[in-house]
Every structure is written in structure tokens, then in C-alpha cells.
């Protein structure tokens, strides 16, 4: 096979082979889709936004969210699985913050642009 892309209906003037090479891999798209799926839950979106600005324990996150600690822990598991939140242990306490990734940073900015809010000082 030559590798040349021939489309059944070529409606544009660009080279279809270049566009095909630029399509993100299925794994890359799956990662982004999972992150967006998790942020589709309003509570997780609020927790993620909070953790973009501070590192907190479950008890304090629960206070900010006016929720129980077990409910917050439930949401944090999903955010961690989507690699949007990271954690570290200090003694007996686990602290959470937004993951230090390009995806988490970009999603933080997008949330603030869409909601027309800005980072606290």
C-alpha cells in the first residue's frame, strides 16, 4: 500500500494525507474524553476547580463543597482515575491538588473562560 489517502468525496483543497497524519491517536482521544466525562459532573467540576487553586485534604474539600467526606472521596477517586487530580501523603493525611499536566492546566483555563471567572488572588 502506497500510504496515499484517497477520499471517496474530496471536498477540500488540502492534502488528505496530512490531515490523516494529524488526527490524534485513539488513546489520546480516550484520555481527553474520560477527563471531559468526569468534569461533566457539576460536583467534580467544582472540586477540580478548587484543587486548581489549592492543595487540600478531604475534610477541608468537604467543608468547601458542603458535602460529607465520603461523598468527596467518591468524587476524588474518579478525578484521580482520569488523571486530573494528584495526591500526596503527609503523615496520616492525604492532600489533593490538580494534576501537574497540560491537560489539567488547559481544562482549568477553559473552565474559567467559559464561566467568566478568574483565579482568586
N, C-alpha and C. Protein backbone atom coordinates (compact mmCIF):
# COMPACT_ATOMS: atom_id res chain seq x y z
N UNK A 1 0.85 -1.18 0.00
CA UNK A 1 0.00 0.00 0.00
C UNK A 1 0.89 1.24 0.00
N UNK A 2 0.56 2.23 -0.80
CA UNK A 2 1.40 3.40 -1.00
C UNK A 2 1.34 4.40 0.14
N UNK A 3 0.31 4.36 0.97
CA UNK A 3 0.17 5.33 2.05
C UNK A 3 -0.55 6.59 1.62
N UNK A 4 -0.82 6.72 0.33
CA UNK A 4 -1.55 7.89 -0.16
C UNK A 4 -3.02 7.74 0.20
N UNK A 5 -3.60 8.81 0.71
CA UNK A 5 -5.01 8.79 1.12
C UNK A 5 -5.85 9.28 -0.05
N UNK A 6 -6.80 8.44 -0.44
CA UNK A 6 -7.74 8.82 -1.49
C UNK A 6 -9.12 8.77 -0.88
N UNK A 7 -9.76 9.93 -0.83
CA UNK A 7 -11.08 10.03 -0.23
C UNK A 7 -12.16 9.79 -1.27
N UNK A 8 -13.24 9.14 -0.88
CA UNK A 8 -14.34 8.95 -1.83
C UNK A 8 -14.94 10.26 -2.31
N UNK A 9 -14.97 11.25 -1.41
CA UNK A 9 -15.51 12.58 -1.73
C UNK A 9 -14.54 13.61 -1.19
N UNK A 10 -13.67 14.10 -1.99
CA UNK A 10 -12.67 15.08 -1.55
C UNK A 10 -13.24 16.48 -1.72
N UNK A 11 -13.76 17.05 -0.59
CA UNK A 11 -14.43 18.35 -0.63
C UNK A 11 -13.52 19.52 -0.27
N UNK A 12 -12.25 19.30 -0.17
CA UNK A 12 -11.34 20.39 0.20
C UNK A 12 -10.12 20.35 -0.69
N UNK A 13 -9.35 21.42 -0.59
CA UNK A 13 -8.19 21.54 -1.47
C UNK A 13 -6.90 21.05 -0.81
N UNK A 14 -6.92 20.81 0.50
CA UNK A 14 -5.70 20.36 1.19
C UNK A 14 -5.39 18.91 0.88
N UNK A 15 -4.24 18.47 1.35
CA UNK A 15 -3.79 17.10 1.16
C UNK A 15 -4.40 16.22 2.25
N UNK A 16 -5.26 15.26 1.89
CA UNK A 16 -5.91 14.43 2.90
C UNK A 16 -4.92 13.61 3.73
N UNK A 17 -3.78 13.28 3.16
CA UNK A 17 -2.77 12.52 3.90
C UNK A 17 -2.23 13.29 5.09
N UNK A 18 -2.04 14.61 4.93
CA UNK A 18 -1.56 15.44 6.04
C UNK A 18 -2.58 15.50 7.16
N UNK A 19 -3.84 15.63 6.79
CA UNK A 19 -4.89 15.67 7.80
C UNK A 19 -4.99 14.34 8.53
N UNK A 20 -4.89 13.25 7.80
CA UNK A 20 -4.98 11.93 8.42
C UNK A 20 -3.84 11.74 9.41
N UNK A 21 -2.65 12.19 9.07
CA UNK A 21 -1.49 12.07 9.98
C UNK A 21 -1.67 12.92 11.23
N UNK A 22 -2.44 13.99 11.13
CA UNK A 22 -2.63 14.90 12.27
C UNK A 22 -3.73 14.44 13.23
N UNK A 23 -4.54 13.48 12.81
CA UNK A 23 -5.62 13.00 13.69
C UNK A 23 -5.01 12.37 14.93
N UNK A 24 -5.43 12.82 16.12
CA UNK A 24 -4.89 12.24 17.36
C UNK A 24 -5.17 10.74 17.45
N UNK A 25 -4.31 10.04 18.15
CA UNK A 25 -4.49 8.60 18.32
C UNK A 25 -5.75 8.32 19.14
N UNK A 26 -6.24 7.13 19.02
CA UNK A 26 -7.42 6.72 19.79
C UNK A 26 -7.14 6.81 21.29
N UNK A 27 -5.92 6.47 21.72
CA UNK A 27 -5.58 6.55 23.14
C UNK A 27 -5.59 7.99 23.63
N UNK A 28 -5.06 8.91 22.83
CA UNK A 28 -5.06 10.32 23.21
C UNK A 28 -6.48 10.84 23.35
N UNK A 29 -7.30 10.54 22.39
CA UNK A 29 -8.70 10.99 22.43
C UNK A 29 -9.43 10.35 23.60
N UNK A 30 -9.15 9.10 23.90
CA UNK A 30 -9.80 8.42 25.03
C UNK A 30 -9.44 9.11 26.35
N UNK A 31 -8.20 9.54 26.49
CA UNK A 31 -7.78 10.24 27.70
C UNK A 31 -8.53 11.55 27.87
N UNK A 32 -8.62 12.31 26.81
CA UNK A 32 -9.33 13.59 26.85
C UNK A 32 -10.83 13.36 27.09
N UNK A 33 -11.40 12.37 26.41
CA UNK A 33 -12.82 12.08 26.58
C UNK A 33 -13.13 11.69 28.02
N UNK A 34 -12.27 10.90 28.63
CA UNK A 34 -12.50 10.49 30.03
C UNK A 34 -12.43 11.70 30.96
N UNK A 35 -11.46 12.59 30.73
CA UNK A 35 -11.35 13.81 31.55
C UNK A 35 -12.61 14.65 31.41
N UNK A 36 -13.07 14.84 30.18
CA UNK A 36 -14.28 15.64 29.96
C UNK A 36 -15.51 14.96 30.56
N UNK A 37 -15.56 13.64 30.47
CA UNK A 37 -16.68 12.90 31.07
C UNK A 37 -16.73 13.15 32.57
N UNK A 38 -15.58 13.08 33.23
CA UNK A 38 -15.55 13.28 34.67
C UNK A 38 -15.91 14.72 35.04
N UNK A 39 -15.48 15.67 34.24
CA UNK A 39 -15.81 17.07 34.52
C UNK A 39 -17.23 17.42 34.11
N UNK A 40 -17.93 16.49 33.48
CA UNK A 40 -19.34 16.69 33.16
C UNK A 40 -20.23 16.63 34.38
N UNK A 41 -19.70 16.13 35.47
CA UNK A 41 -20.44 16.10 36.73
C UNK A 41 -20.19 17.43 37.45
N UNK A 42 -21.23 18.20 37.77
CA UNK A 42 -21.03 19.53 38.38
C UNK A 42 -20.21 19.50 39.68
N UNK A 43 -20.42 18.49 40.51
CA UNK A 43 -19.66 18.42 41.76
C UNK A 43 -18.19 18.20 41.48
N UNK A 44 -17.88 17.31 40.56
CA UNK A 44 -16.47 17.05 40.23
C UNK A 44 -15.84 18.28 39.60
N UNK A 45 -16.60 18.99 38.80
CA UNK A 45 -16.08 20.21 38.18
C UNK A 45 -15.73 21.24 39.25
N UNK A 46 -16.58 21.39 40.25
CA UNK A 46 -16.31 22.33 41.34
C UNK A 46 -15.08 21.90 42.15
N UNK A 47 -15.01 20.61 42.45
CA UNK A 47 -13.85 20.10 43.21
C UNK A 47 -12.57 20.31 42.41
N UNK A 48 -12.62 19.99 41.12
CA UNK A 48 -11.44 20.19 40.26
C UNK A 48 -11.03 21.66 40.26
N UNK A 49 -11.99 22.55 40.07
CA UNK A 49 -11.66 23.98 40.05
C UNK A 49 -11.01 24.39 41.37
N UNK A 50 -11.58 23.97 42.49
CA UNK A 50 -11.00 24.28 43.79
C UNK A 50 -9.55 23.79 43.87
N UNK A 51 -9.31 22.56 43.44
CA UNK A 51 -7.97 21.97 43.55
C UNK A 51 -6.99 22.55 42.53
N UNK A 52 -7.49 23.31 41.58
CA UNK A 52 -6.59 24.05 40.69
C UNK A 52 -5.97 25.23 41.43
N UNK A 53 -6.56 25.60 42.56
CA UNK A 53 -6.13 26.79 43.29
C UNK A 53 -5.51 26.51 44.65
N UNK A 54 -5.66 25.28 45.12
CA UNK A 54 -5.15 24.97 46.44
C UNK A 54 -4.93 23.47 46.58
N UNK A 55 -4.15 23.11 47.54
CA UNK A 55 -3.97 21.71 47.90
C UNK A 55 -4.71 21.50 49.22
N UNK A 56 -5.62 20.53 49.25
CA UNK A 56 -6.48 20.36 50.42
C UNK A 56 -6.67 18.89 50.76
N UNK A 57 -7.03 18.67 52.02
CA UNK A 57 -7.42 17.33 52.48
C UNK A 57 -8.91 17.14 52.21
N UNK A 58 -9.36 15.90 52.31
CA UNK A 58 -10.77 15.58 52.06
C UNK A 58 -11.69 16.36 52.99
N UNK A 59 -11.32 16.46 54.25
CA UNK A 59 -12.16 17.16 55.22
C UNK A 59 -12.39 18.61 54.83
N UNK A 60 -11.32 19.29 54.41
CA UNK A 60 -11.47 20.69 54.01
C UNK A 60 -12.22 20.83 52.69
N UNK A 61 -11.97 19.92 51.76
CA UNK A 61 -12.72 19.95 50.50
C UNK A 61 -14.21 19.77 50.80
N UNK A 62 -14.52 18.85 51.69
CA UNK A 62 -15.92 18.61 52.07
C UNK A 62 -16.55 19.87 52.65
N UNK A 63 -15.78 20.60 53.45
CA UNK A 63 -16.29 21.85 54.03
C UNK A 63 -16.57 22.88 52.93
N UNK A 64 -15.61 23.04 52.02
CA UNK A 64 -15.81 23.97 50.90
C UNK A 64 -17.05 23.60 50.08
N UNK A 65 -17.23 22.31 49.83
CA UNK A 65 -18.31 21.83 48.97
C UNK A 65 -19.63 21.64 49.70
N UNK A 66 -19.59 21.75 51.05
CA UNK A 66 -20.77 21.49 51.87
C UNK A 66 -21.31 20.09 51.61
N UNK A 67 -20.39 19.14 51.68
CA UNK A 67 -20.69 17.72 51.44
C UNK A 67 -20.05 16.89 52.54
N UNK A 68 -20.37 15.63 52.57
CA UNK A 68 -19.71 14.72 53.50
C UNK A 68 -18.35 14.31 52.94
N UNK A 69 -17.45 13.95 53.83
CA UNK A 69 -16.13 13.48 53.40
C UNK A 69 -16.21 12.23 52.52
N UNK A 70 -17.06 11.24 52.86
CA UNK A 70 -17.16 10.07 51.97
C UNK A 70 -17.63 10.44 50.56
N UNK A 71 -18.54 11.40 50.45
CA UNK A 71 -19.01 11.82 49.12
C UNK A 71 -17.88 12.47 48.34
N UNK A 72 -17.10 13.31 49.02
CA UNK A 72 -15.95 13.95 48.35
C UNK A 72 -14.94 12.89 47.92
N UNK A 73 -14.66 11.93 48.79
CA UNK A 73 -13.71 10.86 48.45
C UNK A 73 -14.15 10.10 47.21
N UNK A 74 -15.45 9.87 47.11
CA UNK A 74 -16.01 9.19 45.94
C UNK A 74 -15.68 9.97 44.66
N UNK A 75 -15.91 11.27 44.68
CA UNK A 75 -15.63 12.10 43.50
C UNK A 75 -14.13 12.19 43.22
N UNK A 76 -13.32 12.26 44.25
CA UNK A 76 -11.87 12.32 44.07
C UNK A 76 -11.34 11.06 43.38
N UNK A 77 -11.91 9.92 43.68
CA UNK A 77 -11.48 8.67 43.02
C UNK A 77 -11.64 8.78 41.51
N UNK A 78 -12.77 9.33 41.07
CA UNK A 78 -12.99 9.49 39.63
C UNK A 78 -12.02 10.49 39.02
N UNK A 79 -11.79 11.60 39.72
CA UNK A 79 -10.87 12.62 39.21
C UNK A 79 -9.43 12.09 39.15
N UNK A 80 -9.05 11.29 40.14
CA UNK A 80 -7.71 10.69 40.12
C UNK A 80 -7.58 9.69 38.99
N UNK A 81 -8.60 8.87 38.78
CA UNK A 81 -8.57 7.88 37.71
C UNK A 81 -8.45 8.54 36.34
N UNK A 82 -9.03 9.73 36.20
CA UNK A 82 -8.94 10.48 34.95
C UNK A 82 -7.65 11.30 34.87
N UNK A 83 -6.80 11.17 35.88
CA UNK A 83 -5.51 11.86 35.96
C UNK A 83 -5.66 13.38 35.96
N UNK A 84 -6.74 13.86 36.57
CA UNK A 84 -6.96 15.29 36.71
C UNK A 84 -6.52 15.79 38.08
N UNK A 85 -6.43 14.88 39.04
CA UNK A 85 -6.06 15.21 40.41
C UNK A 85 -4.95 14.28 40.86
N UNK A 86 -4.03 14.83 41.63
CA UNK A 86 -2.97 14.01 42.22
C UNK A 86 -3.04 14.15 43.74
N UNK A 87 -2.36 13.25 44.42
CA UNK A 87 -2.39 13.27 45.88
C UNK A 87 -1.01 12.99 46.43
N UNK A 88 -0.84 13.41 47.67
CA UNK A 88 0.40 13.09 48.40
C UNK A 88 0.04 12.96 49.86
N UNK A 89 0.78 12.11 50.52
CA UNK A 89 0.53 11.83 51.93
C UNK A 89 1.50 12.62 52.79
N UNK A 90 0.95 13.23 53.85
CA UNK A 90 1.76 13.87 54.88
C UNK A 90 1.30 13.25 56.19
N UNK A 91 2.13 12.37 56.73
CA UNK A 91 1.73 11.65 57.94
C UNK A 91 0.52 10.80 57.64
N UNK A 92 -0.54 11.00 58.39
CA UNK A 92 -1.78 10.23 58.19
C UNK A 92 -2.73 10.90 57.22
N UNK A 93 -2.40 12.11 56.80
CA UNK A 93 -3.32 12.88 55.98
C UNK A 93 -2.94 12.84 54.50
N UNK A 94 -3.96 12.74 53.65
CA UNK A 94 -3.78 12.76 52.21
C UNK A 94 -4.21 14.13 51.70
N UNK A 95 -3.33 14.76 50.93
CA UNK A 95 -3.64 16.07 50.34
C UNK A 95 -3.84 15.91 48.84
N UNK A 96 -4.79 16.66 48.30
CA UNK A 96 -5.14 16.58 46.88
C UNK A 96 -4.95 17.94 46.22
N UNK A 97 -4.56 17.89 44.95
CA UNK A 97 -4.45 19.10 44.13
C UNK A 97 -4.65 18.70 42.68
N UNK A 98 -4.86 19.70 41.83
CA UNK A 98 -4.97 19.43 40.40
C UNK A 98 -3.66 18.84 39.91
N UNK A 99 -3.75 17.89 39.02
CA UNK A 99 -2.55 17.25 38.48
C UNK A 99 -1.72 18.28 37.73
N UNK A 100 -0.43 18.11 37.78
CA UNK A 100 0.51 19.00 37.09
C UNK A 100 0.71 18.49 35.66
N UNK A 101 -0.36 18.59 34.87
CA UNK A 101 -0.31 18.15 33.47
C UNK A 101 -0.84 19.24 32.56
N UNK A 102 -0.49 19.16 31.32
CA UNK A 102 -1.00 20.12 30.35
C UNK A 102 -2.51 20.03 30.23
N UNK A 103 -3.05 18.82 30.26
CA UNK A 103 -4.49 18.64 30.15
C UNK A 103 -5.22 19.33 31.30
N UNK A 104 -4.76 19.09 32.53
CA UNK A 104 -5.41 19.72 33.69
C UNK A 104 -5.30 21.23 33.62
N UNK A 105 -4.15 21.75 33.23
CA UNK A 105 -3.96 23.21 33.14
C UNK A 105 -4.88 23.82 32.09
N UNK A 106 -4.97 23.19 30.94
CA UNK A 106 -5.83 23.71 29.88
C UNK A 106 -7.30 23.65 30.27
N UNK A 107 -7.70 22.55 30.91
CA UNK A 107 -9.10 22.44 31.34
C UNK A 107 -9.44 23.50 32.38
N UNK A 108 -8.49 23.79 33.26
CA UNK A 108 -8.69 24.85 34.25
C UNK A 108 -8.94 26.18 33.54
N UNK A 109 -8.13 26.51 32.57
CA UNK A 109 -8.30 27.77 31.84
C UNK A 109 -9.63 27.81 31.08
N UNK A 110 -9.98 26.70 30.48
CA UNK A 110 -11.24 26.64 29.73
C UNK A 110 -12.43 26.85 30.66
N UNK A 111 -12.40 26.20 31.82
CA UNK A 111 -13.49 26.36 32.79
C UNK A 111 -13.64 27.83 33.16
N UNK A 112 -12.54 28.49 33.42
CA UNK A 112 -12.61 29.89 33.83
C UNK A 112 -13.07 30.79 32.69
N UNK A 113 -12.67 30.49 31.47
CA UNK A 113 -13.13 31.29 30.33
C UNK A 113 -14.62 31.11 30.10
N UNK A 114 -15.08 29.86 30.12
CA UNK A 114 -16.50 29.58 29.88
C UNK A 114 -17.37 30.20 30.98
N UNK A 115 -16.94 30.05 32.22
CA UNK A 115 -17.73 30.54 33.34
C UNK A 115 -17.51 32.04 33.59
N UNK A 116 -16.57 32.63 32.86
CA UNK A 116 -16.23 34.05 33.02
C UNK A 116 -15.87 34.36 34.47
N UNK A 117 -15.02 33.50 35.03
CA UNK A 117 -14.50 33.71 36.38
C UNK A 117 -12.99 33.81 36.29
N UNK A 118 -12.38 34.31 37.32
CA UNK A 118 -10.92 34.37 37.31
C UNK A 118 -10.38 33.75 38.59
N UNK A 119 -9.12 33.44 38.53
CA UNK A 119 -8.46 32.82 39.68
C UNK A 119 -8.49 33.77 40.86
N UNK A 120 -8.66 33.24 42.06
CA UNK A 120 -8.58 34.10 43.24
C UNK A 120 -7.15 34.60 43.40
N UNK A 121 -7.01 35.75 43.98
CA UNK A 121 -5.67 36.35 44.14
C UNK A 121 -4.90 35.69 45.21
